[in-house]
C-alpha atoms as a PDB file:
ATOM      1  CA  MET A   1     -14.342   1.261  -1.948  1.00  0.00           C
ATOM      2  CA  GLN A   2     -13.491   2.461   1.556  1.00  0.00           C
ATOM      3  CA  LYS A   3     -14.117  -1.066   2.865  1.00  0.00           C
ATOM      4  CA  GLN A   4     -11.716  -2.451   0.278  1.00  0.00           C
ATOM      5  CA  VAL A   5      -8.992  -0.040   1.395  1.00  0.00           C
ATOM      6  CA  LEU A   6      -9.472  -0.907   5.067  1.00  0.00           C
ATOM      7  CA  SER A   7      -9.547  -4.621   4.263  1.00  0.00           C
ATOM      8  CA  LEU A   8      -6.293  -4.289   2.331  1.00  0.00           C
ATOM      9  CA  TYR A   9      -4.683  -2.404   5.240  1.00  0.00           C
ATOM     10  CA  ARG A  10      -5.757  -5.087   7.720  1.00  0.00           C
ATOM     11  CA  GLY A  11      -4.486  -7.752   5.340  1.00  0.00           C
ATOM     12  CA  PHE A  12      -1.042  -6.156   5.301  1.00  0.00           C
ATOM     13  CA  LEU A  13      -0.966  -6.003   9.097  1.00  0.00           C
ATOM     14  CA  ARG A  14      -2.018  -9.657   9.365  1.00  0.00           C
ATOM     15  CA  ALA A  15       0.610 -10.717   6.835  1.00  0.00           C
ATOM     16  CA  ALA A  16       3.252  -8.731   8.727  1.00  0.00           C
ATOM     17  CA  ARG A  17       2.500 -10.737  11.877  1.00  0.00           C
ATOM     18  CA  LEU A  18       3.708 -13.877  10.105  1.00  0.00           C
ATOM     19  CA  LYS A  19       7.170 -12.427   9.483  1.00  0.00           C
ATOM     20  CA  PRO A  20      10.139 -12.198  11.901  1.00  0.00           C
ATOM     21  CA  VAL A  21       9.960  -9.357  14.437  1.00  0.00           C
ATOM     22  CA  GLU A  22      12.593  -7.162  12.736  1.00  0.00           C
ATOM     23  CA  ASP A  23      10.882  -7.469   9.366  1.00  0.00           C
ATOM     24  CA  ARG A  24       7.433  -7.061  10.908  1.00  0.00           C
ATOM     25  CA  ARG A  25       8.241  -3.626  12.333  1.00  0.00           C
ATOM     26  CA  ARG A  26       9.692  -2.431   9.046  1.00  0.00           C
ATOM     27  CA  ILE A  27       6.719  -3.767   7.065  1.00  0.00           C
ATOM     28  CA  GLU A  28       4.213  -2.159   9.437  1.00  0.00           C
ATOM     29  CA  SER A  29       6.084   1.138   9.202  1.00  0.00           C
ATOM     30  CA  ILE A  30       6.139   1.099   5.387  1.00  0.00           C
ATOM     31  CA  VAL A  31       2.473   0.096   5.144  1.00  0.00           C
ATOM     32  CA  SER A  32       1.360   2.722   7.633  1.00  0.00           C
ATOM     33  CA  ALA A  33       3.362   5.479   5.939  1.00  0.00           C
ATOM     34  CA  GLU A  34       2.127   4.487   2.463  1.00  0.00           C
ATOM     35  CA  PHE A  35      -1.543   4.416   3.467  1.00  0.00           C
ATOM     36  CA  CYS A  36      -1.220   7.685   5.389  1.00  0.00           C
ATOM     37  CA  ARG A  37       0.536   9.398   2.485  1.00  0.00           C
ATOM     38  CA  ASN A  38      -2.067   8.210  -0.006  1.00  0.00           C
ATOM     39  CA  SER A  39      -4.957   9.233   2.241  1.00  0.00           C
ATOM     40  CA  LYS A  40      -3.629  12.794   2.254  1.00  0.00           C
ATOM     41  CA  GLN A  41      -2.422  13.100  -1.339  1.00  0.00           C
ATOM     42  CA  VAL A  42      -4.983  11.186  -3.396  1.00  0.00           C
ATOM     43  CA  ASP A  43      -8.252  12.900  -4.251  1.00  0.00           C
ATOM     44  CA  ARG A  44     -11.116  10.783  -2.893  1.00  0.00           C
ATOM     45  CA  LYS A  45     -13.022  11.285  -6.135  1.00  0.00           C
ATOM     46  CA  ASN A  46     -10.205   9.949  -8.308  1.00  0.00           C
ATOM     47  CA  PHE A  47     -11.693   6.449  -8.467  1.00  0.00           C
ATOM     48  CA  LEU A  48      -9.476   5.225 -11.294  1.00  0.00           C
ATOM     49  CA  TYR A  49      -6.303   6.004  -9.387  1.00  0.00           C
ATOM     50  CA  ILE A  50      -7.699   4.529  -6.146  1.00  0.00           C
ATOM     51  CA  GLU A  51      -8.639   1.344  -8.007  1.00  0.00           C
ATOM     52  CA  TYR A  52      -5.121   1.228  -9.437  1.00  0.00           C
ATOM     53  CA  LEU A  53      -3.646   1.577  -5.940  1.00  0.00           C
ATOM     54  CA  LEU A  54      -5.936  -1.198  -4.678  1.00  0.00           C
ATOM     55  CA  ARG A  55      -4.826  -3.533  -7.478  1.00  0.00           C
ATOM     56  CA  ARG A  56      -1.175  -2.739  -6.849  1.00  0.00           C
ATOM     57  CA  GLY A  57      -1.670  -3.210  -3.109  1.00  0.00           C
ATOM     58  CA  LYS A  58      -3.350  -6.595  -3.591  1.00  0.00           C
ATOM     59  CA  LYS A  59      -0.434  -7.772  -5.720  1.00  0.00           C
ATOM     60  CA  GLN A  60       2.032  -6.600  -3.081  1.00  0.00           C
ATOM     61  CA  LEU A  61      -0.004  -8.305  -0.351  1.00  0.00           C
ATOM     62  CA  ASP A  62      -0.079 -11.586  -2.280  1.00  0.00           C
ATOM     63  CA  GLN A  63       3.679 -11.373  -2.653  1.00  0.00           C
ATOM     64  CA  LEU A  64       4.138 -10.546   1.042  1.00  0.00           C
ATOM     65  CA  LYS A  65       2.054 -13.572   2.053  1.00  0.00           C
ATOM     66  CA  ARG A  66       4.460 -15.898   0.305  1.00  0.00           C
ATOM     67  CA  PRO A  67       6.681 -17.675   2.850  1.00  0.00           C
ATOM     68  CA  ASP A  68       9.890 -16.877   0.964  1.00  0.00           C
ATOM     69  CA  THR A  69       9.222 -13.113   1.009  1.00  0.00           C
ATOM     70  CA  MET A  70      10.939 -11.449   3.939  1.00  0.00           C
ATOM     71  CA  GLY A  71      10.114  -7.786   3.446  1.00  0.00           C
ATOM     72  CA  LEU A  72       8.413  -5.081   1.488  1.00  0.00           C
ATOM     73  CA  SER A  73       9.799  -2.128  -0.422  1.00  0.00           C
ATOM     74  CA  SER A  74       8.173   1.195  -1.093  1.00  0.00           C
ATOM     75  CA  PHE A  75       8.277   3.341  -4.189  1.00  0.00           C
ATOM     76  CA  ASN A  76       6.509   6.484  -5.290  1.00  0.00           C
ATOM     77  CA  VAL A  77       4.028   6.447  -8.139  1.00  0.00           C
ATOM     78  CA  THR A  78       2.531   9.748  -9.177  1.00  0.00           C
ATOM     79  CA  SER A  79      -0.669  10.124 -11.099  1.00  0.00           C
ATOM     80  CA  SER A  80      -0.596  11.878 -14.457  1.00  0.00           C
ATOM     81  CA  GLN A  81      -2.604  14.764 -12.996  1.00  0.00           C
ATOM     82  CA  LYS A  82       0.120  15.478 -10.453  1.00  0.00           C
ATOM     83  CA  GLN A  83       2.846  15.211 -13.099  1.00  0.00           C
ATOM     84  CA  ASN A  84       0.986  17.577 -15.418  1.00  0.00           C
ATOM     85  CA  ALA A  85       0.553  20.096 -12.617  1.00  0.00           C
ATOM     86  CA  LYS A  86       4.308  20.118 -11.971  1.00  0.00           C
ATOM     87  CA  THR A  87       5.314  20.687 -15.607  1.00  0.00           C
END
């Protein structure tokens, strides 16, 4: 699973290289921040949530690879365990 995560990260960076310079920097910043945040907040044993993030990331990467897509947005998704802990 670790290889899949690294492959996805590299895929985002490669896709960002195909975009204009201004968009590329913003995409790289969002991707880096998202992966860093998830590496610190997601339990490494929570395989279901990691698989969900991989699926979501692959969909976002496919969209980013499309020539008519100029950027990437970021949004927070919390797992049910984190929501239950807060309430």
